[in-house]
PDB file of N, CA and C in Angstrom:
ATOM      1  N   THR A   1     105.085 187.171 138.646  1.00  0.00           N
ATOM      2  CA  THR A   1     104.861 187.034 137.224  1.00  0.00           C
ATOM      3  C   THR A   1     104.740 185.742 136.741  1.00  0.00           C
ATOM      4  N   HIS A   2     105.200 184.645 137.503  1.00  0.00           N
ATOM      5  CA  HIS A   2     105.219 183.241 137.120  1.00  0.00           C
ATOM      6  C   HIS A   2     104.702 182.387 138.324  1.00  0.00           C
ATOM      7  N   MET A   3     104.107 181.345 137.997  1.00  0.00           N
ATOM      8  CA  MET A   3     103.764 180.373 139.062  1.00  0.00           C
ATOM      9  C   MET A   3     104.202 178.875 138.657  1.00  0.00           C
ATOM     10  N   LEU A   4     105.010 178.354 139.473  1.00  0.00           N
ATOM     11  CA  LEU A   4     105.395 176.964 139.167  1.00  0.00           C
ATOM     12  C   LEU A   4     104.427 175.828 139.695  1.00  0.00           C
ATOM     13  N   LEU A   5     104.037 175.057 138.904  1.00  0.00           N
ATOM     14  CA  LEU A   5     102.985 174.132 139.313  1.00  0.00           C
ATOM     15  C   LEU A   5     103.569 172.708 139.101  1.00  0.00           C
ATOM     16  N   TYR A   6     103.766 171.976 140.239  1.00  0.00           N
ATOM     17  CA  TYR A   6     104.289 170.664 140.316  1.00  0.00           C
ATOM     18  C   TYR A   6     103.248 169.650 140.146  1.00  0.00           C
ATOM     19  N   LEU A   7     103.192 168.845 139.053  1.00  0.00           N
ATOM     20  CA  LEU A   7     102.225 168.045 138.778  1.00  0.00           C
ATOM     21  C   LEU A   7     102.427 166.656 139.337  1.00  0.00           C
ATOM     22  N   THR A   8     101.570 166.106 140.146  1.00  0.00           N
ATOM     23  CA  THR A   8     101.732 164.632 140.632  1.00  0.00           C
ATOM     24  C   THR A   8     100.311 164.137 140.751  1.00  0.00           C
ATOM     25  N   PRO A   9     100.134 162.833 141.299  1.00  0.00           N
ATOM     26  CA  PRO A   9      98.671 162.313 141.388  1.00  0.00           C
ATOM     27  C   PRO A   9      97.953 163.084 142.397  1.00  0.00           C
ATOM     28  N   ARG A  10      98.592 163.756 143.323  1.00  0.00           N
ATOM     29  CA  ARG A  10      97.797 164.471 144.368  1.00  0.00           C
ATOM     30  C   ARG A  10      97.580 165.867 144.153  1.00  0.00           C
ATOM     31  N   THR A  11      98.118 166.547 143.048  1.00  0.00           N
ATOM     32  CA  THR A  11      98.005 167.992 142.812  1.00  0.00           C
ATOM     33  C   THR A  11      96.503 168.462 142.924  1.00  0.00           C
ATOM     34  N   PHE A  12      95.677 167.772 142.214  1.00  0.00           N
ATOM     35  CA  PHE A  12      94.270 168.182 142.237  1.00  0.00           C
ATOM     36  C   PHE A  12      93.376 167.002 142.788  1.00  0.00           C
ATOM     37  N   ASP A  13      94.042 166.061 143.620  1.00  0.00           N
ATOM     38  CA  ASP A  13      93.177 165.065 144.317  1.00  0.00           C
ATOM     39  C   ASP A  13      92.256 165.720 145.209  1.00  0.00           C
ATOM     40  N   ALA A  14      90.867 165.305 145.247  1.00  0.00           N
ATOM     41  CA  ALA A  14      89.819 165.823 145.883  1.00  0.00           C
ATOM     42  C   ALA A  14      89.900 165.468 147.309  1.00  0.00           C
ATOM     43  N   ASN A  15      90.740 164.405 147.648  1.00  0.00           N
ATOM     44  CA  ASN A  15      90.773 163.912 148.950  1.00  0.00           C
ATOM     45  C   ASN A  15      91.981 164.611 149.696  1.00  0.00           C
ATOM     46  N   ARG A  16      92.813 165.313 149.023  1.00  0.00           N
ATOM     47  CA  ARG A  16      93.993 165.890 149.545  1.00  0.00           C
ATOM     48  C   ARG A  16      93.560 167.342 150.130  1.00  0.00           C
ATOM     49  N   ALA A  17      93.850 167.544 151.336  1.00  0.00           N
ATOM     50  CA  ALA A  17      93.717 168.884 152.034  1.00  0.00           C
ATOM     51  C   ALA A  17      94.616 169.928 151.167  1.00  0.00           C
ATOM     52  N   GLY A  18      93.923 170.997 150.736  1.00  0.00           N
ATOM     53  CA  GLY A  18      94.565 172.112 150.058  1.00  0.00           C
ATOM     54  C   GLY A  18      94.397 171.916 148.584  1.00  0.00           C
ATOM     55  N   ALA A  19      93.860 170.874 148.034  1.00  0.00           N
ATOM     56  CA  ALA A  19      93.701 170.846 146.650  1.00  0.00           C
ATOM     57  C   ALA A  19      92.801 171.862 146.070  1.00  0.00           C
ATOM     58  N   ASP A  20      91.700 172.100 146.692  1.00  0.00           N
ATOM     59  CA  ASP A  20      90.732 173.238 146.338  1.00  0.00           C
ATOM     60  C   ASP A  20      91.423 174.654 146.375  1.00  0.00           C
ATOM     61  N   ALA A  21      92.098 174.872 147.462  1.00  0.00           N
ATOM     62  CA  ALA A  21      92.905 176.012 147.611  1.00  0.00           C
ATOM     63  C   ALA A  21      93.780 176.346 146.522  1.00  0.00           C
ATOM     64  N   LEU A  22      94.547 175.233 146.077  1.00  0.00           N
ATOM     65  CA  LEU A  22      95.487 175.347 145.046  1.00  0.00           C
ATOM     66  C   LEU A  22      94.816 175.792 143.768  1.00  0.00           C
ATOM     67  N   ALA A  23      93.674 175.043 143.495  1.00  0.00           N
ATOM     68  CA  ALA A  23      92.944 175.251 142.280  1.00  0.00           C
ATOM     69  C   ALA A  23      92.433 176.763 142.279  1.00  0.00           C
ATOM     70  N   ASN A  24      92.087 177.301 143.460  1.00  0.00           N
ATOM     71  CA  ASN A  24      91.662 178.688 143.469  1.00  0.00           C
ATOM     72  C   ASN A  24      92.785 179.682 143.267  1.00  0.00           C
ATOM     73  N   GLU A  25      94.123 179.280 143.791  1.00  0.00           N
ATOM     74  CA  GLU A  25      95.206 180.233 143.524  1.00  0.00           C
ATOM     75  C   GLU A  25      95.498 180.108 142.061  1.00  0.00           C
ATOM     76  N   ILE A  26      95.438 179.013 141.370  1.00  0.00           N
ATOM     77  CA  ILE A  26      95.666 179.035 139.912  1.00  0.00           C
ATOM     78  C   ILE A  26      94.659 179.874 139.270  1.00  0.00           C
ATOM     79  N   ARG A  27      93.450 179.845 139.558  1.00  0.00           N
ATOM     80  CA  ARG A  27      92.347 180.596 138.975  1.00  0.00           C
ATOM     81  C   ARG A  27      92.640 182.158 139.111  1.00  0.00           C
ATOM     82  N   GLU A  28      93.064 182.427 140.347  1.00  0.00           N
ATOM     83  CA  GLU A  28      93.550 183.881 140.551  1.00  0.00           C
ATOM     84  C   GLU A  28      94.616 184.321 139.821  1.00  0.00           C
ATOM     85  N   ALA A  29      95.721 183.436 139.730  1.00  0.00           N
ATOM     86  CA  ALA A  29      96.919 183.700 138.992  1.00  0.00           C
ATOM     87  C   ALA A  29      96.486 183.962 137.475  1.00  0.00           C
ATOM     88  N   ARG A  30      95.751 183.163 136.986  1.00  0.00           N
ATOM     89  CA  ARG A  30      95.487 183.208 135.606  1.00  0.00           C
ATOM     90  C   ARG A  30      94.576 184.453 135.290  1.00  0.00           C
ATOM     91  N   LEU A  31      93.775 184.887 136.149  1.00  0.00           N
ATOM     92  CA  LEU A  31      92.880 186.119 136.163  1.00  0.00           C
ATOM     93  C   LEU A  31      93.876 187.356 136.165  1.00  0.00           C
ATOM     94  N   ARG A  32      95.009 187.343 136.998  1.00  0.00           N
ATOM     95  CA  ARG A  32      96.000 188.351 137.098  1.00  0.00           C
ATOM     96  C   ARG A  32      97.016 188.230 135.952  1.00  0.00           C
ATOM     97  N   GLY A  33      96.944 187.393 135.030  1.00  0.00           N
ATOM     98  CA  GLY A  33      97.942 187.146 133.962  1.00  0.00           C
ATOM     99  C   GLY A  33      99.239 186.584 134.201  1.00  0.00           C
ATOM    100  N   ILE A  34      99.204 185.811 135.459  1.00  0.00           N
ATOM    101  CA  ILE A  34     100.403 185.240 135.774  1.00  0.00           C
ATOM    102  C   ILE A  34     100.604 183.941 135.016  1.00  0.00           C
ATOM    103  N   SER A  35     101.876 183.819 134.428  1.00  0.00           N
ATOM    104  CA  SER A  35     102.164 182.607 133.644  1.00  0.00           C
ATOM    105  C   SER A  35     102.319 181.374 134.533  1.00  0.00           C
ATOM    106  N   LEU A  36     101.788 180.192 134.132  1.00  0.00           N
ATOM    107  CA  LEU A  36     102.106 178.995 134.723  1.00  0.00           C
ATOM    108  C   LEU A  36     103.283 178.239 134.025  1.00  0.00           C
ATOM    109  N   VAL A  37     104.068 177.682 134.689  1.00  0.00           N
ATOM    110  CA  VAL A  37     105.107 176.803 134.314  1.00  0.00           C
ATOM    111  C   VAL A  37     104.920 175.499 134.999  1.00  0.00           C
ATOM    112  N   MET A  38     104.752 174.389 134.351  1.00  0.00           N
ATOM    113  CA  MET A  38     104.319 173.204 134.955  1.00  0.00           C
ATOM    114  C   MET A  38     105.429 172.062 134.836  1.00  0.00           C
ATOM    115  N   VAL A  39     105.637 171.531 135.871  1.00  0.00           N
ATOM    116  CA  VAL A  39     106.625 170.418 135.920  1.00  0.00           C
ATOM    117  C   VAL A  39     105.967 169.122 136.251  1.00  0.00           C
ATOM    118  N   HIS A  40     106.034 168.169 135.406  1.00  0.00           N
ATOM    119  CA  HIS A  40     105.357 166.784 135.592  1.00  0.00           C
ATOM    120  C   HIS A  40     106.242 165.890 136.114  1.00  0.00           C
ATOM    121  N   GLU A  41     105.937 165.333 137.429  1.00  0.00           N
ATOM    122  CA  GLU A  41     106.930 164.322 138.061  1.00  0.00           C
ATOM    123  C   GLU A  41     106.773 163.072 137.291  1.00  0.00           C
ATOM    124  N   GLN A  42     108.047 162.504 136.960  1.00  0.00           N
ATOM    125  CA  GLN A  42     108.249 161.378 136.243  1.00  0.00           C
ATOM    126  C   GLN A  42     109.227 160.399 136.853  1.00  0.00           C
ATOM    127  N   ARG A  43     109.896 160.756 137.924  1.00  0.00           N
ATOM    128  CA  ARG A  43     110.966 160.034 138.481  1.00  0.00           C
ATOM    129  C   ARG A  43     110.585 158.700 139.176  1.00  0.00           C
ATOM    130  N   GLU A  44     111.399 157.648 138.907  1.00  0.00           N
ATOM    131  CA  GLU A  44     111.185 156.409 139.641  1.00  0.00           C
ATOM    132  C   GLU A  44     111.159 156.645 141.078  1.00  0.00           C
ATOM    133  N   GLY A  45     110.122 155.898 141.791  1.00  0.00           N
ATOM    134  CA  GLY A  45     110.146 156.009 143.186  1.00  0.00           C
ATOM    135  C   GLY A  45     109.551 157.373 143.743  1.00  0.00           C
ATOM    136  N   ARG A  46     109.108 158.145 142.994  1.00  0.00           N
ATOM    137  CA  ARG A  46     108.584 159.376 143.377  1.00  0.00           C
ATOM    138  C   ARG A  46     107.021 159.246 143.118  1.00  0.00           C
ATOM    139  N   ASP A  47     106.374 160.421 143.217  1.00  0.00           N
ATOM    140  CA  ASP A  47     104.899 160.494 143.141  1.00  0.00           C
ATOM    141  C   ASP A  47     104.692 160.823 141.660  1.00  0.00           C
ATOM    142  N   ARG A  48     104.851 159.737 140.751  1.00  0.00           N
ATOM    143  CA  ARG A  48     104.565 160.112 139.301  1.00  0.00           C
ATOM    144  C   ARG A  48     103.245 159.498 138.789  1.00  0.00           C
ATOM    145  N   CYS A  49     102.713 160.098 137.875  1.00  0.00           N
ATOM    146  CA  CYS A  49     101.368 159.526 137.255  1.00  0.00           C
ATOM    147  C   CYS A  49     101.458 159.900 135.695  1.00  0.00           C
ATOM    148  N   THR A  50     100.342 159.262 135.142  1.00  0.00           N
ATOM    149  CA  THR A  50     100.083 159.609 133.812  1.00  0.00           C
ATOM    150  C   THR A  50      99.451 160.893 133.524  1.00  0.00           C
ATOM    151  N   PHE A  51      99.647 161.576 132.323  1.00  0.00           N
ATOM    152  CA  PHE A  51      99.077 162.738 132.099  1.00  0.00           C
ATOM    153  C   PHE A  51      97.551 162.561 132.004  1.00  0.00           C
ATOM    154  N   ASP A  52      97.109 161.443 131.655  1.00  0.00           N
ATOM    155  CA  ASP A  52      95.541 161.123 131.619  1.00  0.00           C
ATOM    156  C   ASP A  52      95.009 161.218 133.043  1.00  0.00           C
ATOM    157  N   HIS A  53      95.691 160.883 134.071  1.00  0.00           N
ATOM    158  CA  HIS A  53      95.268 160.962 135.467  1.00  0.00           C
ATOM    159  C   HIS A  53      95.221 162.340 135.775  1.00  0.00           C
ATOM    160  N   LEU A  54      96.158 163.196 135.415  1.00  0.00           N
ATOM    161  CA  LEU A  54      96.065 164.663 135.744  1.00  0.00           C
ATOM    162  C   LEU A  54      94.890 165.237 135.146  1.00  0.00           C
ATOM    163  N   ARG A  55      94.736 165.011 133.905  1.00  0.00           N
ATOM    164  CA  ARG A  55      93.518 165.575 133.169  1.00  0.00           C
ATOM    165  C   ARG A  55      92.179 165.168 133.823  1.00  0.00           C
ATOM    166  N   TYR A  56      92.262 163.859 134.369  1.00  0.00           N
ATOM    167  CA  TYR A  56      90.937 163.383 134.987  1.00  0.00           C
ATOM    168  C   TYR A  56      90.711 163.890 136.358  1.00  0.00           C
ATOM    169  N   THR A  57      91.775 164.377 137.039  1.00  0.00           N
ATOM    170  CA  THR A  57      91.610 164.946 138.424  1.00  0.00           C
ATOM    171  C   THR A  57      91.579 166.574 138.401  1.00  0.00           C
ATOM    172  N   THR A  58      91.963 167.023 137.195  1.00  0.00           N
ATOM    173  CA  THR A  58      91.990 168.611 137.087  1.00  0.00           C
ATOM    174  C   THR A  58      90.634 169.119 137.152  1.00  0.00           C
ATOM    175  N   PRO A  59      90.257 170.205 138.008  1.00  0.00           N
ATOM    176  CA  PRO A  59      88.966 170.741 137.996  1.00  0.00           C
ATOM    177  C   PRO A  59      88.575 171.247 136.513  1.00  0.00           C
ATOM    178  N   GLU A  60      87.186 170.791 136.207  1.00  0.00           N
ATOM    179  CA  GLU A  60      86.847 170.988 134.879  1.00  0.00           C
ATOM    180  C   GLU A  60      86.983 172.389 134.289  1.00  0.00           C
ATOM    181  N   ASP A  61      86.661 173.394 135.065  1.00  0.00           N
ATOM    182  CA  ASP A  61      86.889 174.870 134.625  1.00  0.00           C
ATOM    183  C   ASP A  61      88.376 175.080 134.280  1.00  0.00           C
ATOM    184  N   LEU A  62      89.308 174.538 134.992  1.00  0.00           N
ATOM    185  CA  LEU A  62      90.793 174.738 134.635  1.00  0.00           C
ATOM    186  C   LEU A  62      91.061 174.020 133.386  1.00  0.00           C
ATOM    187  N   GLU A  63      90.611 172.887 133.259  1.00  0.00           N
ATOM    188  CA  GLU A  63      90.822 171.988 131.998  1.00  0.00           C
ATOM    189  C   GLU A  63      90.111 172.747 130.745  1.00  0.00           C
ATOM    190  N   ARG A  64      88.966 173.281 130.912  1.00  0.00           N
ATOM    191  CA  ARG A  64      88.244 173.940 129.782  1.00  0.00           C
ATOM    192  C   ARG A  64      88.898 175.254 129.499  1.00  0.00           C
ATOM    193  N   GLY A  65      89.490 175.893 130.579  1.00  0.00           N
ATOM    194  CA  GLY A  65      90.155 177.110 130.451  1.00  0.00           C
ATOM    195  C   GLY A  65      91.596 177.104 129.906  1.00  0.00           C
ATOM    196  N   GLY A  66      91.979 175.879 129.474  1.00  0.00           N
ATOM    197  CA  GLY A  66      93.265 175.696 128.838  1.00  0.00           C
ATOM    198  C   GLY A  66      94.459 175.568 129.640  1.00  0.00           C
ATOM    199  N   ILE A  67      94.297 175.226 130.864  1.00  0.00           N
ATOM    200  CA  ILE A  67      95.487 175.052 131.737  1.00  0.00           C
ATOM    201  C   ILE A  67      96.731 174.212 131.114  1.00  0.00           C
ATOM    202  N   TYR A  68      96.248 173.169 130.336  1.00  0.00           N
ATOM    203  CA  TYR A  68      97.240 172.374 129.673  1.00  0.00           C
ATOM    204  C   TYR A  68      97.594 172.686 128.164  1.00  0.00           C
ATOM    205  N   ASN A  69      97.304 173.871 127.839  1.00  0.00           N
ATOM    206  CA  ASN A  69      97.636 174.481 126.474  1.00  0.00           C
ATOM    207  C   ASN A  69      99.156 174.570 126.220  1.00  0.00           C
ATOM    208  N   ASP A  70      99.884 174.861 127.337  1.00  0.00           N
ATOM    209  CA  ASP A  70     101.358 174.791 127.430  1.00  0.00           C
ATOM    210  C   ASP A  70     101.702 173.358 127.822  1.00  0.00           C
ATOM    211  N   ILE A  71     102.787 172.943 127.262  1.00  0.00           N
ATOM    212  CA  ILE A  71     103.288 171.614 127.552  1.00  0.00           C
ATOM    213  C   ILE A  71     103.966 171.612 128.992  1.00  0.00           C
ATOM    214  N   ALA A  72     103.563 170.564 129.850  1.00  0.00           N
ATOM    215  CA  ALA A  72     104.275 170.398 131.082  1.00  0.00           C
ATOM    216  C   ALA A  72     105.618 169.852 130.796  1.00  0.00           C
ATOM    217  N   ILE A  73     106.624 170.267 131.601  1.00  0.00           N
ATOM    218  CA  ILE A  73     107.961 169.819 131.548  1.00  0.00           C
ATOM    219  C   ILE A  73     108.166 168.522 132.261  1.00  0.00           C
ATOM    220  N   PRO A  74     108.632 167.377 131.703  1.00  0.00           N
ATOM    221  CA  PRO A  74     108.731 166.118 132.461  1.00  0.00           C
ATOM    222  C   PRO A  74     109.916 166.128 133.381  1.00  0.00           C
ATOM    223  N   LEU A  75     109.916 165.708 134.627  1.00  0.00           N
ATOM    224  CA  LEU A  75     111.041 165.771 135.544  1.00  0.00           C
ATOM    225  C   LEU A  75     111.433 164.284 135.757  1.00  0.00           C
ATOM    226  N   PHE A  76     112.563 163.873 135.208  1.00  0.00           N
ATOM    227  CA  PHE A  76     113.129 162.529 135.205  1.00  0.00           C
ATOM    228  C   PHE A  76     114.112 162.376 136.226  1.00  0.00           C
ATOM    229  N   SER A  77     114.806 161.123 136.386  1.00  0.00           N
ATOM    230  CA  SER A  77     115.619 160.852 137.433  1.00  0.00           C
ATOM    231  C   SER A  77     117.181 161.255 137.316  1.00  0.00           C
ATOM    232  N   SER A  78     117.752 161.103 136.138  1.00  0.00           N
ATOM    233  CA  SER A  78     119.064 161.205 135.959  1.00  0.00           C
ATOM    234  C   SER A  78     119.455 162.700 136.004  1.00  0.00           C
ATOM    235  N   PRO A  79     120.675 162.973 136.540  1.00  0.00           N
ATOM    236  CA  PRO A  79     121.169 164.389 136.734  1.00  0.00           C
ATOM    237  C   PRO A  79     121.062 165.115 135.317  1.00  0.00           C
ATOM    238  N   MET A  80     121.444 164.424 134.244  1.00  0.00           N
ATOM    239  CA  MET A  80     121.391 165.036 132.886  1.00  0.00           C
ATOM    240  C   MET A  80     119.953 165.462 132.593  1.00  0.00           C
ATOM    241  N   GLU A  81     119.070 164.566 132.811  1.00  0.00           N
ATOM    242  CA  GLU A  81     117.539 164.807 132.642  1.00  0.00           C
ATOM    243  C   GLU A  81     117.012 166.019 133.526  1.00  0.00           C
ATOM    244  N   GLN A  82     117.493 165.954 134.667  1.00  0.00           N
ATOM    245  CA  GLN A  82     117.081 167.103 135.579  1.00  0.00           C
ATOM    246  C   GLN A  82     117.542 168.413 135.186  1.00  0.00           C
ATOM    247  N   ALA A  83     118.857 168.459 134.618  1.00  0.00           N
ATOM    248  CA  ALA A  83     119.362 169.694 134.252  1.00  0.00           C
ATOM    249  C   ALA A  83     118.549 170.113 132.984  1.00  0.00           C
ATOM    250  N   VAL A  84     118.106 169.259 131.995  1.00  0.00           N
ATOM    251  CA  VAL A  84     117.376 169.603 130.929  1.00  0.00           C
ATOM    252  C   VAL A  84     115.983 170.131 131.479  1.00  0.00           C
ATOM    253  N   CYS A  85     115.492 169.608 132.565  1.00  0.00           N
ATOM    254  CA  CYS A  85     114.137 170.063 133.048  1.00  0.00           C
ATOM    255  C   CYS A  85     114.373 171.468 133.487  1.00  0.00           C
ATOM    256  N   VAL A  86     115.358 171.817 134.282  1.00  0.00           N
ATOM    257  CA  VAL A  86     115.689 173.188 134.712  1.00  0.00           C
ATOM    258  C   VAL A  86     115.839 174.033 133.592  1.00  0.00           C
ATOM    259  N   ALA A  87     116.483 173.629 132.522  1.00  0.00           N
ATOM    260  CA  ALA A  87     116.900 174.593 131.361  1.00  0.00           C
ATOM    261  C   ALA A  87     115.577 174.831 130.641  1.00  0.00           C
ATOM    262  N   LEU A  88     114.722 173.851 130.425  1.00  0.00           N
ATOM    263  CA  LEU A  88     113.345 173.971 129.865  1.00  0.00           C
ATOM    264  C   LEU A  88     112.478 174.949 130.622  1.00  0.00           C
ATOM    265  N   ALA A  89     112.499 174.783 132.084  1.00  0.00           N
ATOM    266  CA  ALA A  89     111.563 175.660 132.792  1.00  0.00           C
ATOM    267  C   ALA A  89     112.265 177.127 132.770  1.00  0.00           C
ATOM    268  N   TYR A  90     113.517 177.237 132.674  1.00  0.00           N
ATOM    269  CA  TYR A  90     114.022 178.593 132.563  1.00  0.00           C
ATOM    270  C   TYR A  90     113.703 179.259 131.127  1.00  0.00           C
ATOM    271  N   ARG A  91     113.755 178.421 130.095  1.00  0.00           N
ATOM    272  CA  ARG A  91     113.502 178.891 128.775  1.00  0.00           C
ATOM    273  C   ARG A  91     111.876 179.245 128.734  1.00  0.00           C
ATOM    274  N   GLN A  92     111.058 178.533 129.289  1.00  0.00           N
ATOM    275  CA  GLN A  92     109.605 178.843 129.436  1.00  0.00           C
ATOM    276  C   GLN A  92     109.383 180.198 130.071  1.00  0.00           C
ATOM    277  N   ILE A  93     110.050 180.352 131.321  1.00  0.00           N
ATOM    278  CA  ILE A  93     109.972 181.617 132.009  1.00  0.00           C
ATOM    279  C   ILE A  93     110.451 182.818 131.179  1.00  0.00           C
ATOM    280  N   ARG A  94     111.656 182.587 130.679  1.00  0.00           N
ATOM    281  CA  ARG A  94     112.322 183.766 129.879  1.00  0.00           C
ATOM    282  C   ARG A  94     111.381 183.989 128.658  1.00  0.00           C
ATOM    283  N   ASP A  95     110.902 183.061 128.013  1.00  0.00           N
ATOM    284  CA  ASP A  95     110.161 183.321 126.803  1.00  0.00           C
ATOM    285  C   ASP A  95     108.667 183.962 127.121  1.00  0.00           C
ATOM    286  N   LYS A  96     108.300 183.590 128.263  1.00  0.00           N
ATOM    287  CA  LYS A  96     106.964 184.088 128.622  1.00  0.00           C
ATOM    288  C   LYS A  96     107.057 185.572 129.193  1.00  0.00           C
ATOM    289  N   THR A  97     108.221 185.758 129.847  1.00  0.00           N
ATOM    290  CA  THR A  97     108.569 187.250 130.244  1.00  0.00           C
ATOM    291  C   THR A  97     108.841 188.138 129.008  1.00  0.00           C
ATOM    292  N   SER A  98     109.537 187.567 128.110  1.00  0.00           N
ATOM    293  CA  SER A  98     109.774 188.394 126.836  1.00  0.00           C
ATOM    294  C   SER A  98     108.616 188.691 126.191  1.00  0.00           C
ATOM    295  N   THR A  99     107.598 187.736 126.052  1.00  0.00           N
ATOM    296  CA  THR A  99     106.307 187.879 125.386  1.00  0.00           C
ATOM    297  C   THR A  99     105.529 188.884 126.073  1.00  0.00           C
ATOM    298  N   SER A 100     105.473 188.797 127.440  1.00  0.00           N
ATOM    299  CA  SER A 100     104.747 189.790 128.206  1.00  0.00           C
ATOM    300  C   SER A 100     105.233 191.166 128.107  1.00  0.00           C
ATOM    301  N   ALA A 101     106.617 191.432 128.154  1.00  0.00           N
ATOM    302  CA  ALA A 101     107.266 192.680 128.105  1.00  0.00           C
ATOM    303  C   ALA A 101     106.888 193.249 126.590  1.00  0.00           C
ATOM    304  N   SER A 102     106.878 192.447 125.662  1.00  0.00           N
ATOM    305  CA  SER A 102     106.677 192.939 124.342  1.00  0.00           C
ATOM    306  C   SER A 102     105.209 193.476 124.251  1.00  0.00           C
ATOM    307  N   SER A 103     104.444 192.792 124.783  1.00  0.00           N
ATOM    308  CA  SER A 103     102.801 193.058 124.775  1.00  0.00           C
ATOM    309  C   SER A 103     102.803 194.412 125.378  1.00  0.00           C
ATOM    310  N   LYS A 104     103.402 194.568 126.734  1.00  0.00           N
ATOM    311  CA  LYS A 104     103.374 195.945 127.458  1.00  0.00           C
ATOM    312  C   LYS A 104     103.826 197.038 126.492  1.00  0.00           C
ATOM    313  N   GLN A 105     105.059 196.816 125.837  1.00  0.00           N
ATOM    314  CA  GLN A 105     105.594 197.888 124.991  1.00  0.00           C
ATOM    315  C   GLN A 105     104.668 198.315 123.932  1.00  0.00           C
ATOM    316  N   ARG A 106     103.909 197.489 123.398  1.00  0.00           N
ATOM    317  CA  ARG A 106     103.036 197.917 122.320  1.00  0.00           C
ATOM    318  C   ARG A 106     101.871 198.808 122.778  1.00  0.00           C
ATOM    319  N   LEU A 107     101.578 198.527 124.095  1.00  0.00           N
ATOM    320  CA  LEU A 107     100.263 199.362 124.553  1.00  0.00           C
ATOM    321  C   LEU A 107     100.748 200.674 124.782  1.00  0.00           C
TER     322      LEU A 107
END
């Protein structure tokens, strides 16, 4: 019902093996109504990048299709910030699950 997408400079890098396959998995998930929960790497010494870089490397059809309509959750270094990231991801999953269940009940 949900797909976690870890956003780094290499997520959609055309030179990375598997980038096209990942983009295809995201397309398929979106067609099936699977919700994306995105976590944007921001930790020091990790594979972090600006959001502008992500938008530049994201396949055009995913960008136009609204992949970034939902806010990506930033993942920072401190234990407190990481706990907040996990809580925000949980909340997004819970909220999207509740919305999906409500829609199905109305049908």
